[in-house]
Amino acid sequence: MTIDEAILTLAAEKGASSSITPEDAARAVDPEKWRTHMGEVRGAAVRLAKEGRIVILRKGKPVDPENFKGVIRLRIVDGQS
């Protein structure tokens, strides 16, 4: 499973009313060495958000994928599941 597939699959399973953590996606790709994939997950999340496929959330609110810091969550865009 690729990182993009993990993000999209897990987020779709949660639905547009819930979200996943980047860690969830990293663990789906590599359960033992998931920490090494966190940068890749963040990059994939930015790309998918720019494509309009997911929303990046910070403190429960959507953020600009080009300008955010800190702990985030990922949510599928309504209609993408």
N, C-alpha and C. Protein backbone atom coordinates (compact mmCIF):
# COMPACT_ATOMS: atom_id res chain seq x y z
N MET A 1 0.84 -1.17 0.00
CA MET A 1 0.00 0.00 0.00
C MET A 1 0.89 1.24 0.00
N THR A 2 0.58 2.18 -0.87
CA THR A 2 1.34 3.43 -0.90
C THR A 2 0.81 4.38 0.18
N ILE A 3 1.56 5.43 0.44
CA ILE A 3 1.13 6.40 1.43
C ILE A 3 -0.16 7.10 0.98
N ASP A 4 -0.24 7.46 -0.29
CA ASP A 4 -1.46 8.08 -0.81
C ASP A 4 -2.66 7.15 -0.61
N GLU A 5 -2.48 5.88 -0.96
CA GLU A 5 -3.57 4.91 -0.80
C GLU A 5 -3.97 4.78 0.67
N ALA A 6 -2.99 4.75 1.55
CA ALA A 6 -3.29 4.63 2.98
C ALA A 6 -4.09 5.83 3.47
N ILE A 7 -3.67 7.02 3.11
CA ILE A 7 -4.40 8.22 3.54
C ILE A 7 -5.83 8.19 3.01
N LEU A 8 -5.97 7.97 1.72
CA LEU A 8 -7.30 8.01 1.11
C LEU A 8 -8.20 6.90 1.62
N THR A 9 -7.66 5.69 1.76
CA THR A 9 -8.47 4.56 2.23
C THR A 9 -8.91 4.76 3.67
N LEU A 10 -7.98 5.09 4.55
CA LEU A 10 -8.32 5.27 5.96
C LEU A 10 -9.27 6.44 6.16
N ALA A 11 -9.02 7.54 5.47
CA ALA A 11 -9.89 8.71 5.59
C ALA A 11 -11.29 8.41 5.06
N ALA A 12 -11.37 7.67 3.95
CA ALA A 12 -12.68 7.31 3.40
C ALA A 12 -13.44 6.40 4.35
N GLU A 13 -12.73 5.49 5.01
CA GLU A 13 -13.38 4.61 5.98
C GLU A 13 -13.97 5.40 7.14
N LYS A 14 -13.31 6.48 7.55
CA LYS A 14 -13.81 7.34 8.63
C LYS A 14 -14.98 8.19 8.16
N GLY A 15 -14.97 8.57 6.88
CA GLY A 15 -16.03 9.41 6.34
C GLY A 15 -15.73 10.89 6.52
N ALA A 16 -16.53 11.71 5.89
CA ALA A 16 -16.31 13.16 5.89
C ALA A 16 -16.62 13.83 7.23
N SER A 17 -17.19 13.08 8.16
CA SER A 17 -17.51 13.67 9.47
C SER A 17 -16.45 13.35 10.52
N SER A 18 -15.41 12.60 10.14
CA SER A 18 -14.35 12.24 11.07
C SER A 18 -13.00 12.40 10.38
N SER A 19 -11.92 12.08 11.08
CA SER A 19 -10.60 12.28 10.50
C SER A 19 -9.62 11.23 11.03
N ILE A 20 -8.45 11.19 10.39
CA ILE A 20 -7.37 10.28 10.81
C ILE A 20 -6.15 11.11 11.17
N THR A 21 -5.21 10.47 11.84
CA THR A 21 -3.94 11.13 12.11
C THR A 21 -2.93 10.72 11.04
N PRO A 22 -1.92 11.52 10.81
CA PRO A 22 -0.86 11.10 9.90
C PRO A 22 -0.22 9.79 10.37
N GLU A 23 -0.15 9.60 11.68
CA GLU A 23 0.41 8.36 12.24
C GLU A 23 -0.39 7.14 11.78
N ASP A 24 -1.71 7.27 11.68
CA ASP A 24 -2.54 6.15 11.21
C ASP A 24 -2.08 5.69 9.82
N ALA A 25 -1.85 6.65 8.94
CA ALA A 25 -1.42 6.33 7.58
C ALA A 25 -0.02 5.72 7.57
N ALA A 26 0.88 6.29 8.36
CA ALA A 26 2.25 5.77 8.42
C ALA A 26 2.26 4.34 8.95
N ARG A 27 1.46 4.06 9.96
CA ARG A 27 1.38 2.70 10.52
C ARG A 27 0.78 1.71 9.53
N ALA A 28 -0.14 2.17 8.70
CA ALA A 28 -0.74 1.29 7.69
C ALA A 28 0.29 0.89 6.64
N VAL A 29 1.22 1.77 6.35
CA VAL A 29 2.26 1.50 5.35
C VAL A 29 3.37 0.63 5.93
N ASP A 30 3.79 0.94 7.15
CA ASP A 30 4.91 0.22 7.76
C ASP A 30 4.72 0.19 9.28
N PRO A 31 4.03 -0.83 9.80
CA PRO A 31 3.70 -0.88 11.23
C PRO A 31 4.92 -0.82 12.16
N GLU A 32 6.06 -1.32 11.73
CA GLU A 32 7.23 -1.35 12.61
C GLU A 32 8.09 -0.10 12.53
N LYS A 33 8.24 0.45 11.34
CA LYS A 33 9.11 1.63 11.15
C LYS A 33 8.29 2.84 10.71
N TRP A 34 7.09 2.97 11.24
CA TRP A 34 6.17 4.02 10.80
C TRP A 34 6.74 5.43 11.00
N ARG A 35 7.53 5.63 12.02
CA ARG A 35 8.06 6.97 12.30
C ARG A 35 8.91 7.50 11.14
N THR A 36 9.58 6.60 10.44
CA THR A 36 10.43 7.03 9.33
C THR A 36 9.62 7.56 8.14
N HIS A 37 8.32 7.32 8.15
CA HIS A 37 7.46 7.73 7.03
C HIS A 37 6.65 9.00 7.31
N MET A 38 6.80 9.57 8.50
CA MET A 38 5.96 10.72 8.86
C MET A 38 6.17 11.93 7.93
N GLY A 39 7.38 12.19 7.51
CA GLY A 39 7.63 13.29 6.58
C GLY A 39 6.97 13.05 5.23
N GLU A 40 7.03 11.80 4.77
CA GLU A 40 6.39 11.43 3.51
C GLU A 40 4.87 11.57 3.61
N VAL A 41 4.32 11.18 4.75
CA VAL A 41 2.87 11.28 4.95
C VAL A 41 2.45 12.75 4.91
N ARG A 42 3.20 13.58 5.58
CA ARG A 42 2.88 15.01 5.59
C ARG A 42 2.94 15.59 4.17
N GLY A 43 3.98 15.21 3.41
CA GLY A 43 4.08 15.67 2.02
C GLY A 43 2.94 15.18 1.15
N ALA A 44 2.57 13.92 1.32
CA ALA A 44 1.45 13.36 0.56
C ALA A 44 0.15 14.06 0.94
N ALA A 45 -0.01 14.37 2.23
CA ALA A 45 -1.22 15.06 2.68
C ALA A 45 -1.33 16.44 2.03
N VAL A 46 -0.22 17.15 1.96
CA VAL A 46 -0.23 18.47 1.32
C VAL A 46 -0.62 18.33 -0.14
N ARG A 47 -0.02 17.39 -0.84
CA ARG A 47 -0.33 17.17 -2.26
C ARG A 47 -1.81 16.81 -2.46
N LEU A 48 -2.32 15.87 -1.65
CA LEU A 48 -3.72 15.45 -1.77
C LEU A 48 -4.68 16.59 -1.43
N ALA A 49 -4.30 17.43 -0.47
CA ALA A 49 -5.13 18.58 -0.13
C ALA A 49 -5.17 19.58 -1.28
N LYS A 50 -4.03 19.82 -1.91
CA LYS A 50 -3.97 20.73 -3.05
C LYS A 50 -4.81 20.21 -4.21
N GLU A 51 -4.89 18.88 -4.33
CA GLU A 51 -5.70 18.26 -5.38
C GLU A 51 -7.19 18.27 -5.03
N GLY A 52 -7.52 18.65 -3.80
CA GLY A 52 -8.91 18.70 -3.38
C GLY A 52 -9.48 17.37 -2.94
N ARG A 53 -8.62 16.40 -2.62
CA ARG A 53 -9.08 15.07 -2.26
C ARG A 53 -9.23 14.88 -0.75
N ILE A 54 -8.44 15.64 0.03
CA ILE A 54 -8.55 15.60 1.49
C ILE A 54 -8.49 17.02 2.02
N VAL A 55 -8.82 17.16 3.30
CA VAL A 55 -8.70 18.44 4.00
C VAL A 55 -7.73 18.21 5.15
N ILE A 56 -6.79 19.13 5.32
CA ILE A 56 -5.88 19.09 6.46
C ILE A 56 -6.51 19.94 7.56
N LEU A 57 -6.62 19.35 8.74
CA LEU A 57 -7.24 20.03 9.87
C LEU A 57 -6.21 20.33 10.95
N ARG A 58 -6.35 21.48 11.57
CA ARG A 58 -5.54 21.85 12.73
C ARG A 58 -6.52 22.39 13.76
N LYS A 59 -6.56 21.75 14.92
CA LYS A 59 -7.52 22.11 15.97
C LYS A 59 -8.95 22.07 15.44
N GLY A 60 -9.22 21.08 14.57
CA GLY A 60 -10.57 20.86 14.06
C GLY A 60 -11.00 21.76 12.92
N LYS A 61 -10.12 22.66 12.48
CA LYS A 61 -10.47 23.59 11.41
C LYS A 61 -9.55 23.39 10.20
N PRO A 62 -10.12 23.52 8.99
CA PRO A 62 -9.29 23.39 7.79
C PRO A 62 -8.18 24.44 7.76
N VAL A 63 -7.02 24.02 7.27
CA VAL A 63 -5.88 24.94 7.13
C VAL A 63 -5.43 24.98 5.69
N ASP A 64 -4.70 26.02 5.36
CA ASP A 64 -4.10 26.17 4.04
C ASP A 64 -2.99 25.12 3.92
N PRO A 65 -3.05 24.23 2.92
CA PRO A 65 -2.02 23.20 2.81
C PRO A 65 -0.62 23.75 2.54
N GLU A 66 -0.53 25.00 2.16
CA GLU A 66 0.77 25.60 1.89
C GLU A 66 1.35 26.33 3.10
N ASN A 67 0.54 26.47 4.17
CA ASN A 67 1.00 27.28 5.29
C ASN A 67 0.35 26.82 6.59
N PHE A 68 0.95 25.81 7.21
CA PHE A 68 0.46 25.34 8.51
C PHE A 68 1.60 24.74 9.30
N LYS A 69 1.41 24.67 10.61
CA LYS A 69 2.40 24.09 11.51
C LYS A 69 1.67 23.21 12.51
N GLY A 70 2.43 22.35 13.16
CA GLY A 70 1.91 21.62 14.30
C GLY A 70 1.18 20.34 13.99
N VAL A 71 0.42 19.91 14.98
CA VAL A 71 -0.30 18.64 14.93
C VAL A 71 -1.50 18.79 14.00
N ILE A 72 -1.65 17.83 13.09
CA ILE A 72 -2.74 17.90 12.11
C ILE A 72 -3.53 16.60 12.11
N ARG A 73 -4.69 16.66 11.49
CA ARG A 73 -5.51 15.49 11.20
C ARG A 73 -5.92 15.60 9.74
N LEU A 74 -6.34 14.49 9.16
CA LEU A 74 -6.69 14.44 7.75
C LEU A 74 -8.11 13.92 7.59
N ARG A 75 -8.88 14.60 6.76
CA ARG A 75 -10.27 14.21 6.53
C ARG A 75 -10.54 14.13 5.03
N ILE A 76 -11.27 13.12 4.64
CA ILE A 76 -11.65 12.97 3.23
C ILE A 76 -12.60 14.12 2.86
N VAL A 77 -12.55 14.56 1.63
CA VAL A 77 -13.49 15.57 1.15
C VAL A 77 -14.81 14.87 0.88
N ASP A 78 -15.89 15.47 1.31
CA ASP A 78 -17.24 14.89 1.11
C ASP A 78 -17.43 14.54 -0.36
N GLY A 79 -17.84 13.32 -0.63
CA GLY A 79 -18.03 12.85 -2.00
C GLY A 79 -16.84 12.09 -2.55
N GLN A 80 -15.71 12.03 -1.84
CA GLN A 80 -14.51 11.34 -2.30
C GLN A 80 -14.47 9.87 -1.86
N SER A 81 -15.31 9.48 -0.92
CA SER A 81 -15.23 8.12 -0.37
C SER A 81 -15.71 7.08 -1.33
